[in-house]
All heavy atoms as atom14 arrays in JSON, in Angstrom:
{
  "sequence": "FGYPGGTVLSIYDALLHSPIRHILPRHEQAAVHAADAYARVSGEVGVC",
  "atom14_mask": [
    [1, 1, 1, 1, 1, 1, 1, 1, 1, 1, 1, 0, 0, 0],
    [1, 1, 1, 1, 0, 0, 0, 0, 0, 0, 0, 0, 0, 0],
    [1, 1, 1, 1, 1, 1, 1, 1, 1, 1, 1, 1, 0, 0],
    [1, 1, 1, 1, 1, 1, 1, 0, 0, 0, 0, 0, 0, 0],
    [1, 1, 1, 1, 0, 0, 0, 0, 0, 0, 0, 0, 0, 0],
    [1, 1, 1, 1, 0, 0, 0, 0, 0, 0, 0, 0, 0, 0],
    [1, 1, 1, 1, 1, 1, 1, 0, 0, 0, 0, 0, 0, 0],
    [1, 1, 1, 1, 1, 1, 1, 0, 0, 0, 0, 0, 0, 0],
    [1, 1, 1, 1, 1, 1, 1, 1, 0, 0, 0, 0, 0, 0],
    [1, 1, 1, 1, 1, 1, 0, 0, 0, 0, 0, 0, 0, 0],
    [1, 1, 1, 1, 1, 1, 1, 1, 0, 0, 0, 0, 0, 0],
    [1, 1, 1, 1, 1, 1, 1, 1, 1, 1, 1, 1, 0, 0],
    [1, 1, 1, 1, 1, 1, 1, 1, 0, 0, 0, 0, 0, 0],
    [1, 1, 1, 1, 1, 0, 0, 0, 0, 0, 0, 0, 0, 0],
    [1, 1, 1, 1, 1, 1, 1, 1, 0, 0, 0, 0, 0, 0],
    [1, 1, 1, 1, 1, 1, 1, 1, 0, 0, 0, 0, 0, 0],
    [1, 1, 1, 1, 1, 1, 1, 1, 1, 1, 0, 0, 0, 0],
    [1, 1, 1, 1, 1, 1, 0, 0, 0, 0, 0, 0, 0, 0],
    [1, 1, 1, 1, 1, 1, 1, 0, 0, 0, 0, 0, 0, 0],
    [1, 1, 1, 1, 1, 1, 1, 1, 0, 0, 0, 0, 0, 0],
    [1, 1, 1, 1, 1, 1, 1, 1, 1, 1, 1, 0, 0, 0],
    [1, 1, 1, 1, 1, 1, 1, 1, 1, 1, 0, 0, 0, 0],
    [1, 1, 1, 1, 1, 1, 1, 1, 0, 0, 0, 0, 0, 0],
    [1, 1, 1, 1, 1, 1, 1, 1, 0, 0, 0, 0, 0, 0],
    [1, 1, 1, 1, 1, 1, 1, 0, 0, 0, 0, 0, 0, 0],
    [1, 1, 1, 1, 1, 1, 1, 1, 1, 1, 1, 0, 0, 0],
    [1, 1, 1, 1, 1, 1, 1, 1, 1, 1, 0, 0, 0, 0],
    [1, 1, 1, 1, 1, 1, 1, 1, 1, 0, 0, 0, 0, 0],
    [1, 1, 1, 1, 1, 1, 1, 1, 1, 0, 0, 0, 0, 0],
    [1, 1, 1, 1, 1, 0, 0, 0, 0, 0, 0, 0, 0, 0],
    [1, 1, 1, 1, 1, 0, 0, 0, 0, 0, 0, 0, 0, 0],
    [1, 1, 1, 1, 1, 1, 1, 0, 0, 0, 0, 0, 0, 0],
    [1, 1, 1, 1, 1, 1, 1, 1, 1, 1, 0, 0, 0, 0],
    [1, 1, 1, 1, 1, 0, 0, 0, 0, 0, 0, 0, 0, 0],
    [1, 1, 1, 1, 1, 0, 0, 0, 0, 0, 0, 0, 0, 0],
    [1, 1, 1, 1, 1, 1, 1, 1, 0, 0, 0, 0, 0, 0],
    [1, 1, 1, 1, 1, 0, 0, 0, 0, 0, 0, 0, 0, 0],
    [1, 1, 1, 1, 1, 1, 1, 1, 1, 1, 1, 1, 0, 0],
    [1, 1, 1, 1, 1, 0, 0, 0, 0, 0, 0, 0, 0, 0],
    [1, 1, 1, 1, 1, 1, 1, 1, 1, 1, 1, 0, 0, 0],
    [1, 1, 1, 1, 1, 1, 1, 0, 0, 0, 0, 0, 0, 0],
    [1, 1, 1, 1, 1, 1, 0, 0, 0, 0, 0, 0, 0, 0],
    [1, 1, 1, 1, 0, 0, 0, 0, 0, 0, 0, 0, 0, 0],
    [1, 1, 1, 1, 1, 1, 1, 1, 1, 0, 0, 0, 0, 0],
    [1, 1, 1, 1, 1, 1, 1, 0, 0, 0, 0, 0, 0, 0],
    [1, 1, 1, 1, 0, 0, 0, 0, 0, 0, 0, 0, 0, 0],
    [1, 1, 1, 1, 1, 1, 1, 0, 0, 0, 0, 0, 0, 0],
    [1, 1, 1, 1, 1, 1, 0, 0, 0, 0, 0, 0, 0, 0]
  ],
  "atom14_positions": [
    [[-0.62, -1.42, -0.25], [-1.87, -0.67, -0.45], [-1.68, 0.62, 0.21], [-1.37, 0.78, 1.52], [-3.08, -1.35, 0.27], [-3.33, -2.72, -0.19], [-2.61, -3.84, 0.25], [-4.26, -2.91, -1.22], [-2.9, -5.1, -0.25], [-4.51, -4.31, -1.81], [-3.81, -5.35, -1.29], [0.0, 0.0, 0.0], [0.0, 0.0, 0.0], [0.0, 0.0, 0.0]],
    [[-1.69, 1.77, -0.54], [-1.34, 3.13, 0.0], [-1.89, 4.2, -0.67], [-2.39, 4.16, -1.8], [0.0, 0.0, 0.0], [0.0, 0.0, 0.0], [0.0, 0.0, 0.0], [0.0, 0.0, 0.0], [0.0, 0.0, 0.0], [0.0, 0.0, 0.0], [0.0, 0.0, 0.0], [0.0, 0.0, 0.0], [0.0, 0.0, 0.0], [0.0, 0.0, 0.0]],
    [[-1.79, 5.42, -0.11], [-2.27, 6.67, -0.52], [-1.23, 7.76, -0.28], [-0.76, 8.01, 0.78], [-3.53, 7.03, 0.19], [-4.43, 8.06, -0.67], [-5.48, 7.56, -1.37], [-4.29, 9.4, -0.58], [-6.36, 8.45, -2.09], [-5.06, 10.25, -1.4], [-6.12, 9.76, -2.08], [-6.96, 10.55, -2.77], [0.0, 0.0, 0.0], [0.0, 0.0, 0.0]],
    [[-0.78, 8.35, -1.46], [0.36, 9.4, -1.3], [0.03, 10.71, -0.6], [-1.12, 11.01, -0.56], [0.73, 9.56, -2.82], [-0.48, 9.4, -3.53], [-1.22, 8.37, -2.86], [0.0, 0.0, 0.0], [0.0, 0.0, 0.0], [0.0, 0.0, 0.0], [0.0, 0.0, 0.0], [0.0, 0.0, 0.0], [0.0, 0.0, 0.0], [0.0, 0.0, 0.0]],
    [[1.0, 11.33, -0.21], [0.91, 12.72, 0.48], [2.37, 13.19, 0.59], [3.28, 12.63, 0.27], [0.0, 0.0, 0.0], [0.0, 0.0, 0.0], [0.0, 0.0, 0.0], [0.0, 0.0, 0.0], [0.0, 0.0, 0.0], [0.0, 0.0, 0.0], [0.0, 0.0, 0.0], [0.0, 0.0, 0.0], [0.0, 0.0, 0.0], [0.0, 0.0, 0.0]],
    [[2.3, 14.47, 1.02], [3.68, 15.24, 0.98], [4.73, 14.55, 1.74], [5.87, 14.6, 1.35], [0.0, 0.0, 0.0], [0.0, 0.0, 0.0], [0.0, 0.0, 0.0], [0.0, 0.0, 0.0], [0.0, 0.0, 0.0], [0.0, 0.0, 0.0], [0.0, 0.0, 0.0], [0.0, 0.0, 0.0], [0.0, 0.0, 0.0], [0.0, 0.0, 0.0]],
    [[4.46, 13.88, 2.84], [5.66, 13.35, 3.78], [6.05, 12.06, 3.21], [6.93, 11.43, 3.81], [5.18, 13.31, 5.2], [4.14, 12.48, 5.31], [4.94, 14.64, 5.78], [0.0, 0.0, 0.0], [0.0, 0.0, 0.0], [0.0, 0.0, 0.0], [0.0, 0.0, 0.0], [0.0, 0.0, 0.0], [0.0, 0.0, 0.0], [0.0, 0.0, 0.0]],
    [[5.46, 11.43, 2.22], [5.8, 10.11, 1.73], [6.23, 10.1, 0.29], [6.37, 9.08, -0.32], [4.71, 9.03, 1.99], [4.62, 8.72, 3.49], [3.44, 9.48, 1.3], [0.0, 0.0, 0.0], [0.0, 0.0, 0.0], [0.0, 0.0, 0.0], [0.0, 0.0, 0.0], [0.0, 0.0, 0.0], [0.0, 0.0, 0.0], [0.0, 0.0, 0.0]],
    [[6.56, 11.28, -0.15], [6.86, 11.38, -1.6], [8.12, 10.72, -2.1], [8.35, 10.23, -3.13], [6.91, 12.84, -2.02], [5.45, 13.59, -2.2], [5.59, 14.92, -2.67], [4.52, 12.78, -3.01], [0.0, 0.0, 0.0], [0.0, 0.0, 0.0], [0.0, 0.0, 0.0], [0.0, 0.0, 0.0], [0.0, 0.0, 0.0], [0.0, 0.0, 0.0]],
    [[9.07, 10.78, -1.07], [10.39, 10.08, -1.33], [10.15, 8.47, -1.49], [10.81, 7.87, -2.34], [11.32, 10.21, -0.15], [11.73, 11.62, -0.15], [0.0, 0.0, 0.0], [0.0, 0.0, 0.0], [0.0, 0.0, 0.0], [0.0, 0.0, 0.0], [0.0, 0.0, 0.0], [0.0, 0.0, 0.0], [0.0, 0.0, 0.0], [0.0, 0.0, 0.0]],
    [[9.17, 8.0, -0.7], [8.82, 6.58, -0.89], [8.2, 6.24, -2.17], [8.51, 5.42, -2.94], [7.93, 6.0, 0.25], [8.64, 6.19, 1.53], [7.44, 4.66, 0.02], [7.84, 5.88, 2.8], [0.0, 0.0, 0.0], [0.0, 0.0, 0.0], [0.0, 0.0, 0.0], [0.0, 0.0, 0.0], [0.0, 0.0, 0.0], [0.0, 0.0, 0.0]],
    [[7.21, 7.18, -2.56], [6.5, 7.07, -3.95], [7.47, 7.18, -5.11], [7.31, 6.56, -6.13], [5.25, 7.97, -3.97], [4.16, 7.36, -3.25], [3.9, 7.46, -1.89], [3.2, 6.43, -3.98], [2.84, 6.88, -1.32], [2.21, 5.91, -3.33], [1.87, 6.05, -1.99], [0.91, 5.46, -1.36], [0.0, 0.0, 0.0], [0.0, 0.0, 0.0]],
    [[8.45, 8.08, -4.93], [9.43, 8.23, -6.0], [10.26, 7.03, -6.11], [10.51, 6.5, -7.26], [10.3, 9.43, -5.62], [11.32, 9.74, -6.81], [10.68, 10.05, -7.94], [12.49, 9.63, -6.62], [0.0, 0.0, 0.0], [0.0, 0.0, 0.0], [0.0, 0.0, 0.0], [0.0, 0.0, 0.0], [0.0, 0.0, 0.0], [0.0, 0.0, 0.0]],
    [[10.63, 6.34, -5.01], [11.54, 5.22, -5.12], [10.68, 4.04, -5.52], [11.13, 2.95, -6.14], [12.01, 4.84, -3.66], [0.0, 0.0, 0.0], [0.0, 0.0, 0.0], [0.0, 0.0, 0.0], [0.0, 0.0, 0.0], [0.0, 0.0, 0.0], [0.0, 0.0, 0.0], [0.0, 0.0, 0.0], [0.0, 0.0, 0.0], [0.0, 0.0, 0.0]],
    [[9.37, 3.95, -5.33], [8.48, 2.85, -5.77], [8.5, 2.85, -7.26], [8.08, 1.68, -7.84], [7.03, 3.11, -5.32], [6.54, 2.6, -4.08], [5.15, 3.07, -3.65], [6.45, 1.0, -4.11], [0.0, 0.0, 0.0], [0.0, 0.0, 0.0], [0.0, 0.0, 0.0], [0.0, 0.0, 0.0], [0.0, 0.0, 0.0], [0.0, 0.0, 0.0]],
    [[8.8, 3.89, -8.05], [8.82, 3.77, -9.48], [9.79, 2.85, -9.99], [9.74, 2.39, -11.07], [9.08, 5.22, -10.04], [8.11, 6.39, -9.91], [8.71, 7.71, -10.24], [6.89, 5.95, -10.61], [0.0, 0.0, 0.0], [0.0, 0.0, 0.0], [0.0, 0.0, 0.0], [0.0, 0.0, 0.0], [0.0, 0.0, 0.0], [0.0, 0.0, 0.0]],
    [[10.79, 2.53, -9.13], [11.91, 1.59, -9.55], [11.86, 0.28, -8.7], [12.9, -0.37, -8.67], [13.21, 2.23, -9.46], [13.27, 3.58, -10.13], [13.2, 3.71, -11.45], [13.34, 4.86, -9.82], [13.3, 4.92, -11.94], [13.33, 5.6, -10.85], [0.0, 0.0, 0.0], [0.0, 0.0, 0.0], [0.0, 0.0, 0.0], [0.0, 0.0, 0.0]],
    [[10.77, 0.02, -8.05], [10.62, -1.06, -7.07], [9.79, -2.14, -7.77], [8.85, -1.89, -8.54], [10.07, -0.64, -5.71], [9.84, -1.78, -5.0], [0.0, 0.0, 0.0], [0.0, 0.0, 0.0], [0.0, 0.0, 0.0], [0.0, 0.0, 0.0], [0.0, 0.0, 0.0], [0.0, 0.0, 0.0], [0.0, 0.0, 0.0], [0.0, 0.0, 0.0]],
    [[10.1, -3.58, -7.55], [9.22, -4.53, -7.98], [7.89, -4.8, -7.31], [7.08, -5.47, -7.58], [10.17, -5.91, -7.82], [10.97, -5.47, -6.7], [11.23, -3.91, -6.76], [0.0, 0.0, 0.0], [0.0, 0.0, 0.0], [0.0, 0.0, 0.0], [0.0, 0.0, 0.0], [0.0, 0.0, 0.0], [0.0, 0.0, 0.0], [0.0, 0.0, 0.0]],
    [[7.8, -3.99, -6.16], [6.55, -4.03, -5.32], [5.38, -3.42, -6.1], [5.49, -2.26, -6.54], [6.75, -3.28, -4.01], [7.97, -4.08, -3.21], [5.51, -3.31, -3.14], [8.19, -3.54, -1.79], [0.0, 0.0, 0.0], [0.0, 0.0, 0.0], [0.0, 0.0, 0.0], [0.0, 0.0, 0.0], [0.0, 0.0, 0.0], [0.0, 0.0, 0.0]],
    [[4.31, -4.11, -6.17], [3.03, -3.56, -6.64], [2.31, -2.56, -5.73], [2.32, -2.84, -4.53], [2.07, -4.7, -7.08], [0.83, -4.15, -7.72], [-0.03, -5.54, -8.06], [-1.38, -5.12, -8.63], [-2.48, -5.91, -8.8], [-2.28, -7.17, -8.35], [-3.45, -5.5, -9.33], [0.0, 0.0, 0.0], [0.0, 0.0, 0.0], [0.0, 0.0, 0.0]],
    [[1.88, -1.54, -6.24], [1.17, -0.54, -5.48], [-0.35, -0.53, -5.8], [-0.65, -0.34, -7.12], [1.82, 0.79, -5.47], [1.11, 1.77, -4.57], [0.0, 2.58, -4.95], [1.43, 2.22, -3.34], [-0.36, 3.28, -3.96], [0.46, 3.2, -2.92], [0.0, 0.0, 0.0], [0.0, 0.0, 0.0], [0.0, 0.0, 0.0], [0.0, 0.0, 0.0]],
    [[-1.19, -0.68, -4.79], [-2.54, -0.44, -5.09], [-3.14, 0.86, -4.5], [-2.92, 1.15, -3.41], [-3.45, -1.61, -4.4], [-2.94, -2.99, -5.03], [-4.98, -1.44, -4.72], [-3.17, -3.27, -6.57], [0.0, 0.0, 0.0], [0.0, 0.0, 0.0], [0.0, 0.0, 0.0], [0.0, 0.0, 0.0], [0.0, 0.0, 0.0], [0.0, 0.0, 0.0]],
    [[-3.74, 1.75, -5.46], [-4.23, 3.06, -4.96], [-5.63, 2.95, -4.77], [-6.49, 2.98, -5.65], [-3.92, 4.1, -6.09], [-4.34, 5.49, -5.74], [-3.67, 6.07, -4.64], [-4.24, 6.28, -6.98], [0.0, 0.0, 0.0], [0.0, 0.0, 0.0], [0.0, 0.0, 0.0], [0.0, 0.0, 0.0], [0.0, 0.0, 0.0], [0.0, 0.0, 0.0]],
    [[-6.14, 2.97, -3.41], [-7.46, 3.05, -3.03], [-7.91, 4.63, -3.23], [-7.24, 5.49, -3.63], [-7.6, 2.61, -1.76], [-6.26, 3.07, -1.02], [-5.32, 3.11, -2.22], [0.0, 0.0, 0.0], [0.0, 0.0, 0.0], [0.0, 0.0, 0.0], [0.0, 0.0, 0.0], [0.0, 0.0, 0.0], [0.0, 0.0, 0.0], [0.0, 0.0, 0.0]],
    [[-9.27, 4.89, -2.68], [-9.72, 6.25, -2.83], [-9.76, 6.73, -1.41], [-10.17, 7.97, -1.23], [-11.0, 6.32, -3.5], [-11.04, 5.85, -4.88], [-10.07, 6.59, -5.74], [-10.09, 6.33, -7.2], [-9.3, 5.53, -7.75], [-8.35, 4.82, -7.07], [-9.37, 5.29, -9.13], [0.0, 0.0, 0.0], [0.0, 0.0, 0.0], [0.0, 0.0, 0.0]],
    [[-9.35, 6.02, -0.43], [-9.4, 6.5, 1.02], [-8.44, 5.65, 1.87], [-8.33, 4.45, 1.43], [-10.76, 6.42, 1.56], [-11.05, 7.09, 2.94], [-10.52, 6.64, 3.96], [-11.68, 8.29, 3.16], [-10.8, 7.41, 5.03], [-11.54, 8.48, 4.59], [0.0, 0.0, 0.0], [0.0, 0.0, 0.0], [0.0, 0.0, 0.0], [0.0, 0.0, 0.0]],
    [[-7.73, 6.19, 2.71], [-6.63, 5.36, 3.51], [-7.31, 4.3, 4.31], [-6.73, 3.29, 4.49], [-5.97, 6.33, 4.51], [-5.0, 7.36, 3.81], [-5.5, 8.62, 3.48], [-6.79, 8.85, 3.63], [-4.75, 9.55, 3.02], [0.0, 0.0, 0.0], [0.0, 0.0, 0.0], [0.0, 0.0, 0.0], [0.0, 0.0, 0.0], [0.0, 0.0, 0.0]],
    [[-8.62, 4.47, 4.84], [-9.18, 3.33, 5.56], [-9.33, 2.2, 4.62], [-9.25, 1.1, 5.0], [-10.53, 3.89, 6.04], [-11.39, 2.83, 6.84], [-12.59, 3.26, 7.59], [-12.64, 4.41, 8.01], [-13.51, 2.4, 7.68], [0.0, 0.0, 0.0], [0.0, 0.0, 0.0], [0.0, 0.0, 0.0], [0.0, 0.0, 0.0], [0.0, 0.0, 0.0]],
    [[-9.63, 2.38, 3.38], [-9.66, 1.28, 2.43], [-8.33, 0.57, 2.21], [-8.31, -0.61, 2.09], [-10.21, 1.76, 1.08], [0.0, 0.0, 0.0], [0.0, 0.0, 0.0], [0.0, 0.0, 0.0], [0.0, 0.0, 0.0], [0.0, 0.0, 0.0], [0.0, 0.0, 0.0], [0.0, 0.0, 0.0], [0.0, 0.0, 0.0], [0.0, 0.0, 0.0]],
    [[-7.35, 1.39, 2.28], [-5.93, 0.78, 2.11], [-5.61, -0.19, 3.23], [-5.1, -1.28, 3.02], [-4.96, 1.84, 2.13], [0.0, 0.0, 0.0], [0.0, 0.0, 0.0], [0.0, 0.0, 0.0], [0.0, 0.0, 0.0], [0.0, 0.0, 0.0], [0.0, 0.0, 0.0], [0.0, 0.0, 0.0], [0.0, 0.0, 0.0], [0.0, 0.0, 0.0]],
    [[-5.9, 0.16, 4.48], [-5.6, -0.63, 5.63], [-6.49, -1.89, 5.72], [-6.13, -3.02, 5.95], [-5.63, 0.17, 6.97], [-6.99, 0.61, 7.32], [-5.06, -0.62, 8.09], [0.0, 0.0, 0.0], [0.0, 0.0, 0.0], [0.0, 0.0, 0.0], [0.0, 0.0, 0.0], [0.0, 0.0, 0.0], [0.0, 0.0, 0.0], [0.0, 0.0, 0.0]],
    [[-7.82, -1.72, 5.32], [-8.73, -2.85, 5.22], [-8.29, -3.75, 4.13], [-8.44, -5.08, 4.38], [-10.22, -2.46, 5.04], [-10.89, -1.74, 6.25], [-10.54, -2.18, 7.49], [-11.78, -0.7, 6.36], [-11.28, -1.45, 8.43], [-12.17, -0.64, 7.7], [0.0, 0.0, 0.0], [0.0, 0.0, 0.0], [0.0, 0.0, 0.0], [0.0, 0.0, 0.0]],
    [[-7.88, -3.26, 3.08], [-7.43, -4.12, 1.91], [-6.26, -4.86, 2.27], [-6.15, -6.11, 2.0], [-7.3, -3.41, 0.66], [0.0, 0.0, 0.0], [0.0, 0.0, 0.0], [0.0, 0.0, 0.0], [0.0, 0.0, 0.0], [0.0, 0.0, 0.0], [0.0, 0.0, 0.0], [0.0, 0.0, 0.0], [0.0, 0.0, 0.0], [0.0, 0.0, 0.0]],
    [[-5.43, -4.28, 2.95], [-3.94, -4.94, 3.36], [-4.38, -5.99, 4.47], [-3.82, -7.15, 4.42], [-3.13, -3.95, 4.02], [0.0, 0.0, 0.0], [0.0, 0.0, 0.0], [0.0, 0.0, 0.0], [0.0, 0.0, 0.0], [0.0, 0.0, 0.0], [0.0, 0.0, 0.0], [0.0, 0.0, 0.0], [0.0, 0.0, 0.0], [0.0, 0.0, 0.0]],
    [[-5.3, -5.76, 5.29], [-5.8, -6.68, 6.37], [-6.25, -7.98, 5.61], [-5.9, -9.13, 5.87], [-6.86, -5.94, 7.11], [-7.62, -6.89, 8.14], [-7.93, -8.02, 7.66], [-7.83, -6.53, 9.18], [0.0, 0.0, 0.0], [0.0, 0.0, 0.0], [0.0, 0.0, 0.0], [0.0, 0.0, 0.0], [0.0, 0.0, 0.0], [0.0, 0.0, 0.0]],
    [[-7.25, -7.77, 4.6], [-7.9, -8.87, 4.02], [-6.68, -9.74, 3.12], [-6.86, -10.92, 2.97], [-8.96, -8.55, 3.11], [0.0, 0.0, 0.0], [0.0, 0.0, 0.0], [0.0, 0.0, 0.0], [0.0, 0.0, 0.0], [0.0, 0.0, 0.0], [0.0, 0.0, 0.0], [0.0, 0.0, 0.0], [0.0, 0.0, 0.0], [0.0, 0.0, 0.0]],
    [[-5.86, -8.92, 2.51], [-4.71, -9.61, 1.8], [-3.96, -10.63, 2.84], [-3.67, -11.63, 2.39], [-3.72, -8.52, 1.32], [-2.49, -9.06, 0.6], [-2.59, -9.25, -0.84], [-1.38, -9.38, 1.2], [-1.54, -9.72, -1.49], [-0.27, -9.79, 0.55], [-0.37, -10.03, -0.91], [0.73, -10.48, -1.64], [0.0, 0.0, 0.0], [0.0, 0.0, 0.0]],
    [[-3.73, -10.12, 3.98], [-3.13, -10.95, 4.97], [-3.93, -12.12, 5.41], [-3.42, -13.32, 5.48], [-2.69, -10.18, 6.21], [0.0, 0.0, 0.0], [0.0, 0.0, 0.0], [0.0, 0.0, 0.0], [0.0, 0.0, 0.0], [0.0, 0.0, 0.0], [0.0, 0.0, 0.0], [0.0, 0.0, 0.0], [0.0, 0.0, 0.0], [0.0, 0.0, 0.0]],
    [[-5.22, -11.99, 5.49], [-6.12, -13.08, 5.88], [-6.19, -14.11, 4.87], [-6.21, -15.36, 5.15], [-7.57, -12.59, 6.27], [-7.65, -11.5, 7.38], [-8.87, -11.22, 7.67], [-9.13, -9.94, 8.45], [-9.99, -9.83, 9.51], [-10.79, -10.86, 9.93], [-10.03, -8.64, 10.13], [0.0, 0.0, 0.0], [0.0, 0.0, 0.0], [0.0, 0.0, 0.0]],
    [[-6.24, -13.72, 3.62], [-6.3, -14.73, 2.57], [-5.0, -15.46, 2.27], [-4.92, -16.52, 2.06], [-6.89, -14.08, 1.28], [-6.8, -14.9, 0.05], [-8.38, -13.6, 1.46], [0.0, 0.0, 0.0], [0.0, 0.0, 0.0], [0.0, 0.0, 0.0], [0.0, 0.0, 0.0], [0.0, 0.0, 0.0], [0.0, 0.0, 0.0], [0.0, 0.0, 0.0]],
    [[-3.96, -14.7, 2.12], [-2.6, -15.1, 1.72], [-1.83, -15.78, 2.92], [-0.99, -16.67, 2.65], [-1.69, -14.0, 1.27], [-1.29, -13.04, 2.18], [0.0, 0.0, 0.0], [0.0, 0.0, 0.0], [0.0, 0.0, 0.0], [0.0, 0.0, 0.0], [0.0, 0.0, 0.0], [0.0, 0.0, 0.0], [0.0, 0.0, 0.0], [0.0, 0.0, 0.0]],
    [[-2.14, -15.41, 4.17], [-1.32, -15.9, 5.25], [0.06, -15.13, 5.44], [0.68, -15.41, 6.23], [0.0, 0.0, 0.0], [0.0, 0.0, 0.0], [0.0, 0.0, 0.0], [0.0, 0.0, 0.0], [0.0, 0.0, 0.0], [0.0, 0.0, 0.0], [0.0, 0.0, 0.0], [0.0, 0.0, 0.0], [0.0, 0.0, 0.0], [0.0, 0.0, 0.0]],
    [[0.22, -14.07, 4.59], [1.38, -13.28, 4.64], [1.15, -11.98, 5.42], [-0.05, -11.68, 5.78], [1.88, -12.91, 3.29], [2.28, -14.19, 2.32], [2.46, -13.9, 1.02], [2.39, -12.48, 0.6], [2.79, -14.78, 0.15], [0.0, 0.0, 0.0], [0.0, 0.0, 0.0], [0.0, 0.0, 0.0], [0.0, 0.0, 0.0], [0.0, 0.0, 0.0]],
    [[2.14, -11.15, 5.66], [1.92, -10.03, 6.44], [1.42, -8.93, 5.4], [1.94, -8.8, 4.35], [3.31, -9.42, 7.06], [3.1, -8.05, 7.69], [3.85, -10.44, 7.98], [0.0, 0.0, 0.0], [0.0, 0.0, 0.0], [0.0, 0.0, 0.0], [0.0, 0.0, 0.0], [0.0, 0.0, 0.0], [0.0, 0.0, 0.0], [0.0, 0.0, 0.0]],
    [[0.23, -8.29, 5.76], [-0.22, -7.22, 4.88], [0.51, -5.84, 5.14], [0.98, -5.7, 6.29], [0.0, 0.0, 0.0], [0.0, 0.0, 0.0], [0.0, 0.0, 0.0], [0.0, 0.0, 0.0], [0.0, 0.0, 0.0], [0.0, 0.0, 0.0], [0.0, 0.0, 0.0], [0.0, 0.0, 0.0], [0.0, 0.0, 0.0], [0.0, 0.0, 0.0]],
    [[0.64, -5.05, 4.16], [1.34, -3.79, 4.18], [0.56, -2.61, 3.69], [0.06, -2.81, 2.52], [2.71, -3.88, 3.52], [3.51, -2.57, 3.65], [3.6, -5.03, 3.94], [0.0, 0.0, 0.0], [0.0, 0.0, 0.0], [0.0, 0.0, 0.0], [0.0, 0.0, 0.0], [0.0, 0.0, 0.0], [0.0, 0.0, 0.0], [0.0, 0.0, 0.0]],
    [[0.5, -1.71, 4.46], [-0.32, -0.4, 3.96], [0.56, 0.82, 4.17], [1.46, 0.79, 5.13], [-1.61, -0.27, 4.41], [-1.73, 0.0, 6.24], [0.0, 0.0, 0.0], [0.0, 0.0, 0.0], [0.0, 0.0, 0.0], [0.0, 0.0, 0.0], [0.0, 0.0, 0.0], [0.0, 0.0, 0.0], [0.0, 0.0, 0.0], [0.0, 0.0, 0.0]]
  ]
}
């Protein structure tokens, strides 16, 4: 769960060829809360 910006464009460019799904929220706070809930439901580590 993430939101792009100038200092992470290399990561976003590499994401084009990655099997990892990316969820684009409308605010970074939503990205971290969503990753948190993903972890709570799945039992896996959430990533934002």
